C-alpha atoms as a PDB file:
ATOM      1  CA  UNK A   1     -15.162  41.556 -75.516  1.00  0.00           C
ATOM      2  CA  UNK A   2     -16.984  39.135 -73.358  1.00  0.00           C
ATOM      3  CA  UNK A   3     -18.124  40.150 -69.806  1.00  0.00           C
ATOM      4  CA  UNK A   4     -16.357  38.650 -66.871  1.00  0.00           C
ATOM      5  CA  UNK A   5     -19.310  36.397 -65.905  1.00  0.00           C
ATOM      6  CA  UNK A   6     -19.704  35.061 -69.445  1.00  0.00           C
ATOM      7  CA  UNK A   7     -15.699  34.340 -69.463  1.00  0.00           C
ATOM      8  CA  UNK A   8     -16.207  32.491 -66.300  1.00  0.00           C
ATOM      9  CA  UNK A   9     -19.267  30.344 -67.569  1.00  0.00           C
ATOM     10  CA  UNK A  10     -17.077  29.162 -70.264  1.00  0.00           C
ATOM     11  CA  UNK A  11     -14.525  27.577 -67.780  1.00  0.00           C
ATOM     12  CA  UNK A  12     -15.037  23.899 -66.809  1.00  0.00           C
ATOM     13  CA  UNK A  13     -11.940  23.170 -65.100  1.00  0.00           C
ATOM     14  CA  UNK A  14      -9.404  25.682 -63.341  1.00  0.00           C
ATOM     15  CA  UNK A  15      -5.898  24.874 -62.141  1.00  0.00           C
ATOM     16  CA  UNK A  16      -4.102  27.378 -59.932  1.00  0.00           C
ATOM     17  CA  UNK A  17      -0.415  27.120 -58.805  1.00  0.00           C
ATOM     18  CA  UNK A  18      -0.196  23.119 -58.788  1.00  0.00           C
ATOM     19  CA  UNK A  19       3.115  21.887 -57.493  1.00  0.00           C
ATOM     20  CA  UNK A  20       4.283  18.294 -57.108  1.00  0.00           C
ATOM     21  CA  UNK A  21       7.841  16.836 -55.714  1.00  0.00           C
ATOM     22  CA  UNK A  22       8.966  13.477 -55.478  1.00  0.00           C
ATOM     23  CA  UNK A  23      11.583  13.240 -52.921  1.00  0.00           C
ATOM     24  CA  UNK A  24      14.268  16.139 -53.814  1.00  0.00           C
ATOM     25  CA  UNK A  25      12.814  16.089 -57.555  1.00  0.00           C
ATOM     26  CA  UNK A  26      10.452  19.019 -58.475  1.00  0.00           C
ATOM     27  CA  UNK A  27       8.207  17.564 -61.173  1.00  0.00           C
ATOM     28  CA  UNK A  28       5.645  20.373 -61.364  1.00  0.00           C
ATOM     29  CA  UNK A  29       5.923  23.858 -60.174  1.00  0.00           C
ATOM     30  CA  UNK A  30       3.017  26.569 -59.986  1.00  0.00           C
ATOM     31  CA  UNK A  31       1.268  24.902 -63.014  1.00  0.00           C
ATOM     32  CA  UNK A  32      -1.887  27.124 -63.961  1.00  0.00           C
ATOM     33  CA  UNK A  33      -4.383  26.749 -66.848  1.00  0.00           C
ATOM     34  CA  UNK A  34      -8.034  26.520 -67.606  1.00  0.00           C
ATOM     35  CA  UNK A  35     -10.113  24.264 -69.623  1.00  0.00           C
ATOM     36  CA  UNK A  36     -13.072  25.670 -71.461  1.00  0.00           C
ATOM     37  CA  UNK A  37     -16.373  24.123 -72.282  1.00  0.00           C
ATOM     38  CA  UNK A  38     -16.677  22.128 -75.311  1.00  0.00           C
ATOM     39  CA  UNK A  39     -12.890  22.619 -76.332  1.00  0.00           C
ATOM     40  CA  UNK A  40     -10.028  20.111 -77.198  1.00  0.00           C
ATOM     41  CA  UNK A  41      -6.925  21.320 -74.979  1.00  0.00           C
ATOM     42  CA  UNK A  42      -3.876  19.391 -76.314  1.00  0.00           C
ATOM     43  CA  UNK A  43      -1.325  18.765 -73.641  1.00  0.00           C
ATOM     44  CA  UNK A  44       2.388  18.078 -75.092  1.00  0.00           C
ATOM     45  CA  UNK A  45       5.606  17.824 -73.567  1.00  0.00           C
ATOM     46  CA  UNK A  46       8.866  15.948 -73.880  1.00  0.00           C
ATOM     47  CA  UNK A  47       9.190  12.538 -72.171  1.00  0.00           C
ATOM     48  CA  UNK A  48       9.855  12.831 -68.380  1.00  0.00           C
ATOM     49  CA  UNK A  49       8.034  16.550 -68.458  1.00  0.00           C
ATOM     50  CA  UNK A  50       5.510  15.625 -65.947  1.00  0.00           C
ATOM     51  CA  UNK A  51       2.413  14.977 -68.169  1.00  0.00           C
ATOM     52  CA  UNK A  52       1.504  11.730 -66.426  1.00  0.00           C
ATOM     53  CA  UNK A  53       2.052  13.316 -63.058  1.00  0.00           C
ATOM     54  CA  UNK A  54      -0.349  16.143 -64.078  1.00  0.00           C
ATOM     55  CA  UNK A  55      -3.012  13.935 -65.382  1.00  0.00           C
ATOM     56  CA  UNK A  56      -2.985  11.764 -62.192  1.00  0.00           C
ATOM     57  CA  UNK A  57      -3.518  14.986 -60.085  1.00  0.00           C
ATOM     58  CA  UNK A  58      -6.440  16.169 -62.106  1.00  0.00           C
ATOM     59  CA  UNK A  59      -8.035  12.605 -61.967  1.00  0.00           C
ATOM     60  CA  UNK A  60      -7.507  12.571 -58.249  1.00  0.00           C
ATOM     61  CA  UNK A  61      -5.197   9.679 -58.270  1.00  0.00           C
ATOM     62  CA  UNK A  62      -2.372  11.509 -56.492  1.00  0.00           C
ATOM     63  CA  UNK A  63      -2.140  14.582 -54.223  1.00  0.00           C
ATOM     64  CA  UNK A  64      -0.382  17.882 -55.248  1.00  0.00           C
ATOM     65  CA  UNK A  65       1.896  19.331 -52.963  1.00  0.00           C
ATOM     66  CA  UNK A  66       0.088  22.844 -53.215  1.00  0.00           C
ATOM     67  CA  UNK A  67      -2.436  24.862 -55.382  1.00  0.00           C
ATOM     68  CA  UNK A  68      -6.131  24.298 -56.297  1.00  0.00           C
ATOM     69  CA  UNK A  69      -8.121  22.362 -58.762  1.00  0.00           C
ATOM     70  CA  UNK A  70     -11.729  23.818 -59.549  1.00  0.00           C
ATOM     71  CA  UNK A  71     -14.540  22.033 -61.426  1.00  0.00           C
ATOM     72  CA  UNK A  72     -17.336  24.008 -62.714  1.00  0.00           C
ATOM     73  CA  UNK A  73     -20.096  21.539 -63.636  1.00  0.00           C
ATOM     74  CA  UNK A  74     -23.702  22.077 -64.407  1.00  0.00           C
ATOM     75  CA  UNK A  75     -23.037  25.844 -65.250  1.00  0.00           C
ATOM     76  CA  UNK A  76     -22.036  26.504 -61.740  1.00  0.00           C
ATOM     77  CA  UNK A  77     -20.211  29.868 -60.994  1.00  0.00           C
ATOM     78  CA  UNK A  78     -18.725  28.365 -57.840  1.00  0.00           C
ATOM     79  CA  UNK A  79     -16.097  25.740 -58.737  1.00  0.00           C
ATOM     80  CA  UNK A  80     -15.607  22.808 -56.514  1.00  0.00           C
ATOM     81  CA  UNK A  81     -12.253  22.573 -55.282  1.00  0.00           C
ATOM     82  CA  UNK A  82     -10.848  19.153 -55.260  1.00  0.00           C
ATOM     83  CA  UNK A  83      -7.151  18.123 -54.160  1.00  0.00           C
ATOM     84  CA  UNK A  84      -7.757  14.696 -53.014  1.00  0.00           C
ATOM     85  CA  UNK A  85      -9.693  11.662 -54.303  1.00  0.00           C
ATOM     86  CA  UNK A  86     -12.812  12.555 -56.641  1.00  0.00           C
ATOM     87  CA  UNK A  87     -15.962  11.856 -54.965  1.00  0.00           C
ATOM     88  CA  UNK A  88     -18.796   9.808 -56.819  1.00  0.00           C
ATOM     89  CA  UNK A  89     -20.426  12.901 -58.164  1.00  0.00           C
ATOM     90  CA  UNK A  90     -17.122  13.957 -59.836  1.00  0.00           C
ATOM     91  CA  UNK A  91     -16.191  10.579 -61.008  1.00  0.00           C
ATOM     92  CA  UNK A  92     -19.277  10.686 -63.100  1.00  0.00           C
ATOM     93  CA  UNK A  93     -18.210  14.058 -64.541  1.00  0.00           C
ATOM     94  CA  UNK A  94     -14.734  13.211 -65.457  1.00  0.00           C
ATOM     95  CA  UNK A  95     -13.628  10.094 -67.636  1.00  0.00           C
ATOM     96  CA  UNK A  96     -10.332   9.111 -68.317  1.00  0.00           C
ATOM     97  CA  UNK A  97      -9.154   6.878 -71.097  1.00  0.00           C
ATOM     98  CA  UNK A  98      -5.531   5.472 -70.789  1.00  0.00           C
ATOM     99  CA  UNK A  99      -3.156   3.524 -73.119  1.00  0.00           C
ATOM    100  CA  UNK A 100      -4.350   0.364 -71.415  1.00  0.00           C
ATOM    101  CA  UNK A 101      -7.793  -0.628 -72.623  1.00  0.00           C
ATOM    102  CA  UNK A 102     -10.525  -0.580 -69.907  1.00  0.00           C
ATOM    103  CA  UNK A 103     -12.928  -2.931 -71.468  1.00  0.00           C
ATOM    104  CA  UNK A 104     -13.531  -6.648 -70.778  1.00  0.00           C
ATOM    105  CA  UNK A 105     -12.422  -8.704 -73.828  1.00  0.00           C
ATOM    106  CA  UNK A 106     -14.851 -11.645 -73.430  1.00  0.00           C
ATOM    107  CA  UNK A 107     -17.798  -9.266 -73.349  1.00  0.00           C
ATOM    108  CA  UNK A 108     -19.453  -8.083 -76.658  1.00  0.00           C
ATOM    109  CA  UNK A 109     -19.461  -4.252 -77.159  1.00  0.00           C
ATOM    110  CA  UNK A 110     -22.887  -3.637 -76.138  1.00  0.00           C
ATOM    111  CA  UNK A 111     -22.560  -5.873 -72.910  1.00  0.00           C
ATOM    112  CA  UNK A 112     -19.317  -3.710 -72.064  1.00  0.00           C
ATOM    113  CA  UNK A 113     -21.306  -0.446 -72.580  1.00  0.00           C
ATOM    114  CA  UNK A 114     -24.056  -1.955 -70.297  1.00  0.00           C
ATOM    115  CA  UNK A 115     -21.722  -3.047 -67.536  1.00  0.00           C
ATOM    116  CA  UNK A 116     -20.038   0.309 -67.667  1.00  0.00           C
ATOM    117  CA  UNK A 117     -23.403   2.161 -67.169  1.00  0.00           C
ATOM    118  CA  UNK A 118     -24.740  -0.168 -64.691  1.00  0.00           C
ATOM    119  CA  UNK A 119     -23.733   2.006 -61.776  1.00  0.00           C
ATOM    120  CA  UNK A 120     -25.298   5.100 -63.050  1.00  0.00           C
ATOM    121  CA  UNK A 121     -28.332   6.679 -61.736  1.00  0.00           C
ATOM    122  CA  UNK A 122     -30.311   6.651 -64.722  1.00  0.00           C
ATOM    123  CA  UNK A 123     -33.518   4.881 -65.792  1.00  0.00           C
ATOM    124  CA  UNK A 124     -33.407   1.860 -68.062  1.00  0.00           C
ATOM    125  CA  UNK A 125     -34.587   3.789 -71.015  1.00  0.00           C
ATOM    126  CA  UNK A 126     -32.227   6.511 -70.389  1.00  0.00           C
ATOM    127  CA  UNK A 127     -29.258   4.270 -70.326  1.00  0.00           C
ATOM    128  CA  UNK A 128     -30.368   2.295 -73.594  1.00  0.00           C
ATOM    129  CA  UNK A 129     -30.832   5.659 -75.394  1.00  0.00           C
ATOM    130  CA  UNK A 130     -27.376   6.784 -74.192  1.00  0.00           C
ATOM    131  CA  UNK A 131     -25.650   3.623 -75.239  1.00  0.00           C
ATOM    132  CA  UNK A 132     -27.446   3.681 -78.680  1.00  0.00           C
ATOM    133  CA  UNK A 133     -26.251   7.178 -79.159  1.00  0.00           C
ATOM    134  CA  UNK A 134     -22.696   6.387 -78.444  1.00  0.00           C
ATOM    135  CA  UNK A 135     -22.634   3.434 -80.707  1.00  0.00           C
ATOM    136  CA  UNK A 136     -23.772   5.677 -83.550  1.00  0.00           C
ATOM    137  CA  UNK A 137     -21.378   8.381 -82.957  1.00  0.00           C
ATOM    138  CA  UNK A 138     -18.453   6.179 -82.577  1.00  0.00           C
ATOM    139  CA  UNK A 139     -19.332   4.029 -85.515  1.00  0.00           C
ATOM    140  CA  UNK A 140     -19.948   0.864 -83.467  1.00  0.00           C
ATOM    141  CA  UNK A 141     -23.276  -0.052 -84.480  1.00  0.00           C
ATOM    142  CA  UNK A 142     -22.341  -2.695 -86.931  1.00  0.00           C
ATOM    143  CA  UNK A 143     -20.074  -4.500 -84.337  1.00  0.00           C
ATOM    144  CA  UNK A 144     -22.080  -4.253 -81.215  1.00  0.00           C
ATOM    145  CA  UNK A 145     -22.491  -8.065 -80.964  1.00  0.00           C
ATOM    146  CA  UNK A 146     -18.878  -8.714 -81.465  1.00  0.00           C
ATOM    147  CA  UNK A 147     -16.686  -9.674 -78.628  1.00  0.00           C
ATOM    148  CA  UNK A 148     -14.125  -7.159 -77.652  1.00  0.00           C
ATOM    149  CA  UNK A 149     -11.156  -9.378 -78.148  1.00  0.00           C
ATOM    150  CA  UNK A 150     -12.116 -10.009 -81.826  1.00  0.00           C
ATOM    151  CA  UNK A 151     -12.281  -6.415 -82.825  1.00  0.00           C
ATOM    152  CA  UNK A 152      -9.722  -4.723 -85.024  1.00  0.00           C
ATOM    153  CA  UNK A 153      -7.165  -2.339 -83.414  1.00  0.00           C
ATOM    154  CA  UNK A 154      -9.043   0.699 -84.567  1.00  0.00           C
ATOM    155  CA  UNK A 155     -12.459  -0.640 -83.126  1.00  0.00           C
ATOM    156  CA  UNK A 156     -10.875  -1.532 -79.843  1.00  0.00           C
ATOM    157  CA  UNK A 157      -9.935   2.165 -79.502  1.00  0.00           C
ATOM    158  CA  UNK A 158     -13.475   3.122 -80.455  1.00  0.00           C
ATOM    159  CA  UNK A 159     -14.764   0.722 -77.819  1.00  0.00           C
ATOM    160  CA  UNK A 160     -12.368   2.341 -75.218  1.00  0.00           C
ATOM    161  CA  UNK A 161     -13.568   5.731 -75.817  1.00  0.00           C
ATOM    162  CA  UNK A 162     -17.209   4.479 -75.863  1.00  0.00           C
ATOM    163  CA  UNK A 163     -16.616   3.034 -72.231  1.00  0.00           C
ATOM    164  CA  UNK A 164     -15.509   6.415 -71.157  1.00  0.00           C
ATOM    165  CA  UNK A 165     -18.394   8.326 -72.726  1.00  0.00           C
ATOM    166  CA  UNK A 166     -21.056   5.974 -71.292  1.00  0.00           C
ATOM    167  CA  UNK A 167     -21.310   7.651 -67.991  1.00  0.00           C
ATOM    168  CA  UNK A 168     -21.837  11.112 -70.141  1.00  0.00           C
ATOM    169  CA  UNK A 169     -18.799  12.852 -68.531  1.00  0.00           C
ATOM    170  CA  UNK A 170     -18.414  16.507 -69.146  1.00  0.00           C
ATOM    171  CA  UNK A 171     -14.691  16.271 -69.267  1.00  0.00           C
ATOM    172  CA  UNK A 172     -12.761  13.308 -71.009  1.00  0.00           C
ATOM    173  CA  UNK A 173      -9.066  13.027 -70.559  1.00  0.00           C
ATOM    174  CA  UNK A 174      -7.169  10.964 -73.300  1.00  0.00           C
ATOM    175  CA  UNK A 175      -3.731   9.987 -72.385  1.00  0.00           C
ATOM    176  CA  UNK A 176      -1.490   8.988 -75.425  1.00  0.00           C
ATOM    177  CA  UNK A 177      -4.880   7.635 -77.101  1.00  0.00           C
ATOM    178  CA  UNK A 178      -3.072   7.026 -80.658  1.00  0.00           C
ATOM    179  CA  UNK A 179      -0.344   5.026 -79.301  1.00  0.00           C
ATOM    180  CA  UNK A 180       0.506   1.742 -81.117  1.00  0.00           C
ATOM    181  CA  UNK A 181      -2.049   2.954 -83.973  1.00  0.00           C
ATOM    182  CA  UNK A 182      -0.710   2.945 -87.570  1.00  0.00           C
ATOM    183  CA  UNK A 183      -0.820   6.180 -89.643  1.00  0.00           C
ATOM    184  CA  UNK A 184      -4.443   5.333 -91.219  1.00  0.00           C
ATOM    185  CA  UNK A 185      -6.044   4.398 -87.963  1.00  0.00           C
ATOM    186  CA  UNK A 186      -4.202   7.417 -86.325  1.00  0.00           C
ATOM    187  CA  UNK A 187      -6.270   9.694 -88.673  1.00  0.00           C
ATOM    188  CA  UNK A 188      -9.465   7.868 -88.164  1.00  0.00           C
ATOM    189  CA  UNK A 189      -9.251   8.280 -84.433  1.00  0.00           C
ATOM    190  CA  UNK A 190      -8.482  12.008 -84.753  1.00  0.00           C
ATOM    191  CA  UNK A 191     -11.722  12.279 -86.770  1.00  0.00           C
ATOM    192  CA  UNK A 192     -13.330  10.418 -84.141  1.00  0.00           C
ATOM    193  CA  UNK A 193     -12.525  12.804 -81.413  1.00  0.00           C
ATOM    194  CA  UNK A 194     -14.040  15.682 -83.585  1.00  0.00           C
ATOM    195  CA  UNK A 195     -17.304  13.642 -83.277  1.00  0.00           C
ATOM    196  CA  UNK A 196     -16.820  13.489 -79.294  1.00  0.00           C
ATOM    197  CA  UNK A 197     -16.303  16.958 -79.234  1.00  0.00           C
ATOM    198  CA  UNK A 198     -19.770  17.783 -80.975  1.00  0.00           C
ATOM    199  CA  UNK A 199     -21.403  15.873 -78.104  1.00  0.00           C
ATOM    200  CA  UNK A 200     -20.316  19.029 -75.846  1.00  0.00           C
ATOM    201  CA  UNK A 201     -17.564  17.133 -74.096  1.00  0.00           C
ATOM    202  CA  UNK A 202     -14.475  18.861 -72.991  1.00  0.00           C
ATOM    203  CA  UNK A 203     -11.374  17.027 -73.853  1.00  0.00           C
ATOM    204  CA  UNK A 204      -7.812  17.049 -72.638  1.00  0.00           C
ATOM    205  CA  UNK A 205      -5.682  15.452 -75.299  1.00  0.00           C
ATOM    206  CA  UNK A 206      -2.253  14.148 -74.180  1.00  0.00           C
ATOM    207  CA  UNK A 207       0.371  13.252 -76.610  1.00  0.00           C
ATOM    208  CA  UNK A 208       4.015  13.479 -77.519  1.00  0.00           C
ATOM    209  CA  UNK A 209       3.174  13.932 -81.182  1.00  0.00           C
ATOM    210  CA  UNK A 210       3.033  17.646 -81.928  1.00  0.00           C
ATOM    211  CA  UNK A 211       1.377  16.959 -85.431  1.00  0.00           C
ATOM    212  CA  UNK A 212      -1.555  15.281 -83.995  1.00  0.00           C
ATOM    213  CA  UNK A 213      -1.869  17.800 -81.377  1.00  0.00           C
ATOM    214  CA  UNK A 214      -1.856  20.451 -83.901  1.00  0.00           C
ATOM    215  CA  UNK A 215      -4.582  18.696 -85.954  1.00  0.00           C
ATOM    216  CA  UNK A 216      -7.030  18.094 -83.135  1.00  0.00           C
ATOM    217  CA  UNK A 217      -6.641  21.072 -80.508  1.00  0.00           C
ATOM    218  CA  UNK A 218      -8.326  24.230 -79.961  1.00  0.00           C
ATOM    219  CA  UNK A 219      -5.592  25.403 -77.857  1.00  0.00           C
ATOM    220  CA  UNK A 220      -2.158  23.753 -76.922  1.00  0.00           C
ATOM    221  CA  UNK A 221      -0.604  23.515 -73.501  1.00  0.00           C
ATOM    222  CA  UNK A 222       3.072  23.030 -73.581  1.00  0.00           C
ATOM    223  CA  UNK A 223       4.750  21.495 -70.477  1.00  0.00           C
ATOM    224  CA  UNK A 224       8.309  22.029 -70.042  1.00  0.00           C
ATOM    225  CA  UNK A 225      10.830  23.024 -67.202  1.00  0.00           C
ATOM    226  CA  UNK A 226       8.230  22.084 -64.666  1.00  0.00           C
ATOM    227  CA  UNK A 227       5.795  24.594 -65.810  1.00  0.00           C
ATOM    228  CA  UNK A 228       3.106  25.186 -68.565  1.00  0.00           C
ATOM    229  CA  UNK A 229       2.463  27.516 -71.239  1.00  0.00           C
ATOM    230  CA  UNK A 230      -0.853  28.083 -73.274  1.00  0.00           C
ATOM    231  CA  UNK A 231      -0.663  28.694 -77.121  1.00  0.00           C
ATOM    232  CA  UNK A 232      -3.403  29.101 -79.746  1.00  0.00           C
ATOM    233  CA  UNK A 233      -1.189  27.665 -82.500  1.00  0.00           C
ATOM    234  CA  UNK A 234       1.851  25.359 -82.601  1.00  0.00           C
ATOM    235  CA  UNK A 235       4.245  27.847 -84.394  1.00  0.00           C
ATOM    236  CA  UNK A 236       5.870  28.726 -81.162  1.00  0.00           C
ATOM    237  CA  UNK A 237       6.040  25.341 -79.901  1.00  0.00           C
ATOM    238  CA  UNK A 238       7.492  24.163 -82.997  1.00  0.00           C
ATOM    239  CA  UNK A 239      10.432  26.578 -82.375  1.00  0.00           C
ATOM    240  CA  UNK A 240      10.814  25.277 -78.891  1.00  0.00           C
ATOM    241  CA  UNK A 241      11.089  21.782 -80.326  1.00  0.00           C
ATOM    242  CA  UNK A 242      13.610  22.790 -82.970  1.00  0.00           C
ATOM    243  CA  UNK A 243      15.741  24.765 -80.488  1.00  0.00           C
ATOM    244  CA  UNK A 244      15.890  21.672 -78.374  1.00  0.00           C
ATOM    245  CA  UNK A 245      17.192  19.650 -81.503  1.00  0.00           C
ATOM    246  CA  UNK A 246      14.383  17.275 -81.419  1.00  0.00           C
END
């Protein structure tokens, strides 16, 4: 059994009793869970269960009504409590990829990555090395001079993830990343996430498709009835879905 300090050192994100209400509608109620370093945490729930609200809170886009969110970066044992907008330091540590692409269509692949890395406090050679590594890991080397608009659907998804990774974040939040992808591209993308995980990035993978959550995740967070439960397998969640008739 791990010692307490060792257990704490594995945690990179800790959410305690987060609640959110819109007017009289309670969306989230006392949400608590942890994200461990280097893991993929799948977040699944029915439509309208509050997944988007939770992600917006984690990203600092909206304020929770109560509770705390602590980020443990650089092996810190004292989490930084963030309930409002993320400061610049945290923005470099947390990256989000939403359904809508974040890249610029008229720029080619490498120009997009250079643009998104331009604000980083890194030396020129460090930025270049970082970009080359991301191009290689995500399989974009052969298309690095092609305009984003001219890429295939699968390559556009890769570029979107690359733009999220160029800041070398410690946490990557993927919100419904396989939406609009066909079966073949979805499987390729899931394999791609495994490569991203090898970079040491902690990932929150949001999806309404339980099968892909099961394939990619180390643990699964199931959001239902305003609260969340953590599972080491999808077995119990499948029973809940069947019980609901879905």
